[in-house]
Amino acid sequence: MLRSVTTLAALSLMMLLLTACPPKYPSCDKDEHCKEAEYCVNKQCQQCRDSKDCPRGQTCNKGRCDRIPGFCESNEQCPEGEACVDNRCGPCAQDNQCGTGSRCSGGKCLQPGACETDADCPENHECQSGSCVAPPPETAVGTDPCSKLGMSPLPTIFFDFDEFVLTSESTTSLQAAAECLKKVPSLSVRMEGHCDARGTEEYNLALGDRRSRSVKRYLKRLGVPSRKMRAVSKGKLEATGYNESSWSKDRKVVFIWE
């Protein structure tokens, strides 16, 4: 009798020890045997039971949370030209799916100033290398005052980002411009300072003014009378750029004969 009781006690102790020891990971009997944010499914630890256990934008695939192909929450997460519609990247159907300032053309979102054909551009503009640009004015040969003197037309002066300091290339161009301006006493010029579209209107008007005045000061140092020059700012009024390449073409001072 005593021997039976001892055997029964030993068996009970063995069962208790077996119950207290959890299965070896990744085997499991319950969620507590798994790592944090894992679940015990069919006695195996895995990331999810179903898609409800996965982060937004992922789906449960055989116990693993995988990213949903093409899932998005904003257009910035989609490839260039696609729109985020119902949390999926794909072709656009209307302008308001492309974001502020952009438009939908042939299923593609085009940024301001971007184009694929001339039809995507405003009137009197044409599509060149993916950007809408105003075509050069049609000027009769020899009518430019500098051309009549056998000199190069007045240049466009470009600036670095957020700068109004003249580059060495600009000063070289302005030296030739100064010679022409001094030889055409009957005409004057308007120098228009331009900026790219980034920043506030007030800031860009001030920056455009500094750029045009910087050109005027340099030409004055080269002997061009101040009365022949008028510095004005257009700010970002005529900016058409939408990326660094096109923005660089907006940062300029242009000469207009008056």
Protein backbone atom coordinates (compact mmCIF):
# COMPACT_ATOMS: atom_id res chain seq x y z
CA MET A 1 0.00 0.00 0.00
CA LEU A 2 2.79 2.43 0.95
CA ARG A 3 4.62 1.57 -2.24
CA SER A 4 1.55 2.41 -4.35
CA VAL A 5 1.15 5.75 -2.65
CA THR A 6 4.82 6.57 -3.27
CA THR A 7 4.54 5.64 -6.95
CA LEU A 8 1.41 7.77 -7.34
CA ALA A 9 3.11 10.74 -5.70
CA ALA A 10 6.10 10.38 -8.02
CA LEU A 11 3.87 10.30 -11.07
CA SER A 12 1.97 13.36 -9.87
CA LEU A 13 5.23 15.24 -9.33
CA MET A 14 6.43 14.29 -12.82
CA MET A 15 3.17 15.50 -14.38
CA LEU A 16 3.46 18.78 -12.45
CA LEU A 17 7.00 19.33 -13.69
CA LEU A 18 6.02 18.56 -17.26
CA THR A 19 3.12 21.00 -17.02
CA ALA A 20 5.33 23.77 -15.54
CA CYS A 21 7.91 23.57 -18.35
CA PRO A 22 6.70 25.35 -21.53
CA PRO A 23 7.40 23.85 -24.96
CA LYS A 24 10.64 24.83 -26.65
CA TYR A 25 10.21 27.97 -28.83
CA PRO A 26 8.77 28.30 -31.43
CA SER A 27 6.49 25.49 -30.20
CA CYS A 28 3.78 26.65 -27.84
CA ASP A 29 0.59 25.78 -26.03
CA LYS A 30 -0.66 29.34 -25.52
CA ASP A 31 0.21 32.93 -26.45
CA GLU A 32 2.26 33.41 -23.26
CA HIS A 33 4.82 30.91 -24.58
CA CYS A 34 5.57 33.20 -27.56
CA LYS A 35 7.51 36.44 -27.89
CA GLU A 36 5.84 39.82 -27.53
CA ALA A 37 3.40 40.61 -30.38
CA GLU A 38 3.30 36.92 -31.42
CA TYR A 39 0.44 34.43 -31.22
CA CYS A 40 0.21 30.69 -30.62
CA VAL A 41 -1.51 29.14 -33.63
CA ASN A 42 -1.63 25.38 -34.12
CA LYS A 43 1.02 25.07 -31.37
CA GLN A 44 3.47 27.30 -33.27
CA CYS A 45 4.40 30.91 -32.49
CA GLN A 46 3.75 33.26 -35.41
CA GLN A 47 3.21 36.97 -36.13
CA CYS A 48 -0.52 36.81 -36.74
CA ARG A 49 -3.70 34.78 -36.67
CA ASP A 50 -5.33 36.98 -39.30
CA SER A 51 -4.82 40.40 -40.90
CA LYS A 52 -6.32 42.17 -37.86
CA ASP A 53 -3.11 41.32 -35.97
CA CYS A 54 -0.91 43.09 -38.56
CA PRO A 55 0.00 46.80 -38.79
CA ARG A 56 -1.93 48.98 -41.22
CA GLY A 57 -0.82 48.29 -44.77
CA GLN A 58 0.11 44.65 -44.09
CA THR A 59 -1.78 41.37 -44.44
CA CYS A 60 -1.43 38.02 -42.64
CA ASN A 61 0.15 35.46 -44.96
CA LYS A 62 0.72 31.99 -43.45
CA GLY A 63 1.34 33.47 -40.02
CA ARG A 64 3.60 36.29 -41.26
CA CYS A 65 2.68 39.96 -41.73
CA ASP A 66 3.56 40.95 -45.30
CA ARG A 67 3.26 44.39 -46.88
CA ILE A 68 0.24 44.81 -49.16
CA PRO A 69 1.62 45.51 -52.68
CA GLY A 70 0.87 49.08 -53.73
CA PHE A 71 -0.56 50.10 -50.35
CA CYS A 72 -0.35 53.82 -49.63
CA GLU A 73 -1.73 56.55 -47.42
CA SER A 74 -0.51 59.52 -49.45
CA ASN A 75 0.71 60.29 -52.98
CA GLU A 76 4.26 60.70 -51.66
CA GLN A 77 4.40 56.93 -51.08
CA CYS A 78 3.56 56.16 -54.72
CA PRO A 79 5.85 56.05 -57.77
CA GLU A 80 6.14 59.31 -59.69
CA GLY A 81 3.00 60.05 -61.68
CA GLU A 82 0.72 57.71 -59.70
CA ALA A 83 -1.99 58.69 -57.19
CA CYS A 84 -3.00 57.11 -53.90
CA VAL A 85 -6.66 56.14 -54.37
CA ASP A 86 -8.44 53.97 -51.77
CA ASN A 87 -5.03 53.16 -50.22
CA ARG A 88 -3.61 51.81 -53.48
CA CYS A 89 -1.09 53.43 -55.85
CA GLY A 90 -2.24 53.60 -59.44
CA PRO A 91 -3.44 55.82 -62.28
CA CYS A 92 -5.38 58.96 -61.45
CA ALA A 93 -8.87 59.68 -62.77
CA GLN A 94 -9.30 63.34 -61.79
CA ASP A 95 -7.19 66.32 -60.75
CA ASN A 96 -8.13 66.30 -57.05
CA GLN A 97 -6.48 62.88 -56.65
CA CYS A 98 -3.10 64.35 -57.56
CA GLY A 99 -2.73 66.92 -54.79
CA THR A 100 -2.68 70.69 -54.65
CA GLY A 101 -1.45 72.34 -57.84
CA SER A 102 -1.04 69.06 -59.75
CA ARG A 103 -3.32 67.78 -62.47
CA CYS A 104 -4.33 64.43 -63.97
CA SER A 105 -3.48 63.88 -67.63
CA GLY A 106 -3.93 60.50 -69.31
CA GLY A 107 -3.96 58.69 -65.96
CA LYS A 108 -0.73 60.33 -64.77
CA CYS A 109 -0.33 63.05 -62.14
CA LEU A 110 1.68 65.96 -63.51
CA GLN A 111 3.34 68.46 -61.18
CA PRO A 112 2.91 72.22 -61.82
CA GLY A 113 4.82 73.07 -64.98
CA ALA A 114 5.31 69.41 -65.95
CA CYS A 115 4.07 68.00 -69.24
CA GLU A 116 4.17 65.15 -71.70
CA THR A 117 2.80 66.98 -74.74
CA ASP A 118 2.09 70.61 -75.67
CA ALA A 119 -1.56 69.97 -74.80
CA ASP A 120 -0.59 69.74 -71.12
CA CYS A 121 0.80 73.29 -71.13
CA PRO A 122 -0.90 76.71 -70.78
CA GLU A 123 -1.65 78.74 -73.88
CA ASN A 124 1.46 80.11 -75.62
CA HIS A 125 3.70 77.54 -73.88
CA GLU A 126 5.24 74.38 -75.24
CA CYS A 127 6.48 71.11 -73.72
CA GLN A 128 10.27 70.80 -73.70
CA SER A 129 12.04 67.93 -71.87
CA GLY A 130 9.02 67.39 -69.61
CA SER A 131 8.59 71.06 -68.65
CA CYS A 132 6.19 73.74 -69.89
CA VAL A 133 8.17 76.73 -71.11
CA ALA A 134 7.30 79.92 -72.90
CA PRO A 135 8.77 79.89 -76.41
CA PRO A 136 11.33 82.60 -77.17
CA PRO A 137 9.88 85.77 -78.66
CA GLU A 138 10.01 86.02 -82.43
CA THR A 139 12.51 88.80 -83.01
CA ALA A 140 13.56 89.90 -86.46
CA VAL A 141 17.24 89.32 -87.21
CA GLY A 142 19.33 92.39 -86.49
CA THR A 143 16.65 94.31 -84.52
CA ASP A 144 18.32 93.77 -81.11
CA PRO A 145 20.45 96.86 -80.33
CA CYS A 146 23.44 94.75 -79.31
CA SER A 147 23.16 92.60 -82.45
CA LYS A 148 23.20 95.74 -84.61
CA LEU A 149 26.56 96.55 -83.05
CA GLY A 150 27.88 93.06 -83.77
CA MET A 151 27.71 92.14 -80.07
CA SER A 152 25.90 89.39 -78.15
CA PRO A 153 22.36 90.13 -76.90
CA LEU A 154 22.01 91.07 -73.24
CA PRO A 155 22.36 87.87 -71.16
CA THR A 156 20.09 86.25 -68.62
CA ILE A 157 21.85 86.19 -65.24
CA PHE A 158 21.24 83.11 -63.10
CA PHE A 159 21.65 82.74 -59.33
CA ASP A 160 22.21 79.94 -56.84
CA PHE A 161 19.42 78.94 -54.44
CA ASP A 162 18.46 81.73 -52.00
CA GLU A 163 21.34 83.89 -53.32
CA PHE A 164 21.68 87.31 -54.92
CA VAL A 165 25.49 87.27 -55.17
CA LEU A 166 26.80 87.27 -58.74
CA THR A 167 28.81 84.26 -59.89
CA SER A 168 32.07 84.58 -61.84
CA GLU A 169 30.22 83.43 -64.97
CA SER A 170 27.64 86.19 -64.45
CA THR A 171 30.24 88.94 -64.04
CA THR A 172 31.91 87.88 -67.30
CA SER A 173 28.57 88.09 -69.12
CA LEU A 174 27.79 91.48 -67.58
CA GLN A 175 31.08 92.94 -68.75
CA ALA A 176 30.01 92.35 -72.36
CA ALA A 177 26.53 93.69 -71.55
CA ALA A 178 28.05 96.86 -70.10
CA GLU A 179 29.92 97.56 -73.32
CA CYS A 180 26.70 97.29 -75.32
CA LEU A 181 24.68 99.48 -72.93
CA LYS A 182 27.30 102.22 -73.05
CA LYS A 183 27.22 102.22 -76.85
CA VAL A 184 23.42 102.55 -77.07
CA PRO A 185 22.79 105.92 -75.40
CA SER A 186 19.22 106.34 -76.67
CA LEU A 187 17.79 103.24 -74.96
CA SER A 188 17.50 102.06 -71.36
CA VAL A 189 16.84 98.64 -69.82
CA ARG A 190 14.60 97.18 -67.17
CA MET A 191 16.20 94.43 -65.08
CA GLU A 192 13.62 91.99 -63.71
CA GLY A 193 14.57 89.88 -60.69
CA HIS A 194 12.91 86.43 -60.60
CA CYS A 195 12.73 83.59 -58.04
CA ASP A 196 11.55 80.00 -57.99
CA ALA A 197 8.15 79.16 -56.52
CA ARG A 198 9.33 78.09 -53.06
CA GLY A 199 8.91 80.48 -50.13
CA THR A 200 6.37 83.21 -49.42
CA GLU A 201 5.38 85.89 -51.90
CA GLU A 202 6.82 88.63 -49.68
CA TYR A 203 10.17 86.87 -49.28
CA ASN A 204 10.55 86.25 -53.00
CA LEU A 205 9.65 89.83 -53.90
CA ALA A 206 12.46 91.00 -51.61
CA LEU A 207 14.90 88.41 -53.01
CA GLY A 208 14.03 89.32 -56.60
CA ASP A 209 14.66 92.98 -55.75
CA ARG A 210 18.09 92.16 -54.28
CA ARG A 211 19.01 90.20 -57.40
CA SER A 212 18.06 92.97 -59.82
CA ARG A 213 19.83 95.59 -57.70
CA SER A 214 22.93 93.41 -57.52
CA VAL A 215 23.10 93.40 -61.34
CA LYS A 216 22.46 97.14 -61.50
CA ARG A 217 25.23 97.92 -58.99
CA TYR A 218 27.75 95.83 -60.92
CA LEU A 219 26.89 97.47 -64.25
CA LYS A 220 27.15 100.88 -62.62
CA ARG A 221 30.66 99.98 -61.45
CA LEU A 222 31.47 99.14 -65.08
CA GLY A 223 30.45 102.62 -66.19
CA VAL A 224 26.81 102.19 -67.21
CA PRO A 225 24.85 105.33 -66.15
CA SER A 226 22.31 104.63 -63.42
CA ARG A 227 19.62 106.56 -65.34
CA LYS A 228 19.78 103.92 -68.12
CA MET A 229 18.82 101.10 -65.75
CA ARG A 230 15.68 100.29 -63.79
CA ALA A 231 15.66 97.42 -61.25
CA VAL A 232 12.32 95.71 -60.53
CA SER A 233 11.24 92.47 -58.85
CA LYS A 234 8.84 89.87 -60.20
CA GLY A 235 9.36 87.56 -57.20
CA LYS A 236 7.86 84.17 -57.99
CA LEU A 237 5.09 85.61 -60.16
CA GLU A 238 6.34 83.96 -63.37
CA ALA A 239 7.96 80.85 -61.85
CA THR A 240 7.22 77.59 -63.68
CA GLY A 241 9.69 75.15 -62.09
CA TYR A 242 8.70 72.03 -60.14
CA ASN A 243 12.05 70.37 -59.36
CA GLU A 244 15.68 71.42 -58.85
CA SER A 245 16.51 71.40 -62.55
CA SER A 246 13.60 73.67 -63.49
CA TRP A 247 13.81 75.78 -60.30
CA SER A 248 17.35 76.78 -61.28
CA LYS A 249 15.93 78.37 -64.46
CA ASP A 250 13.56 80.52 -62.38
CA ARG A 251 16.35 82.10 -60.28
CA LYS A 252 17.43 84.88 -62.62
CA VAL A 253 17.56 88.49 -63.76
CA VAL A 254 16.40 89.21 -67.31
CA PHE A 255 16.93 92.38 -69.33
CA ILE A 256 14.06 94.14 -71.11
CA TRP A 257 14.83 96.98 -73.53
CA GLU A 258 12.75 100.10 -72.92
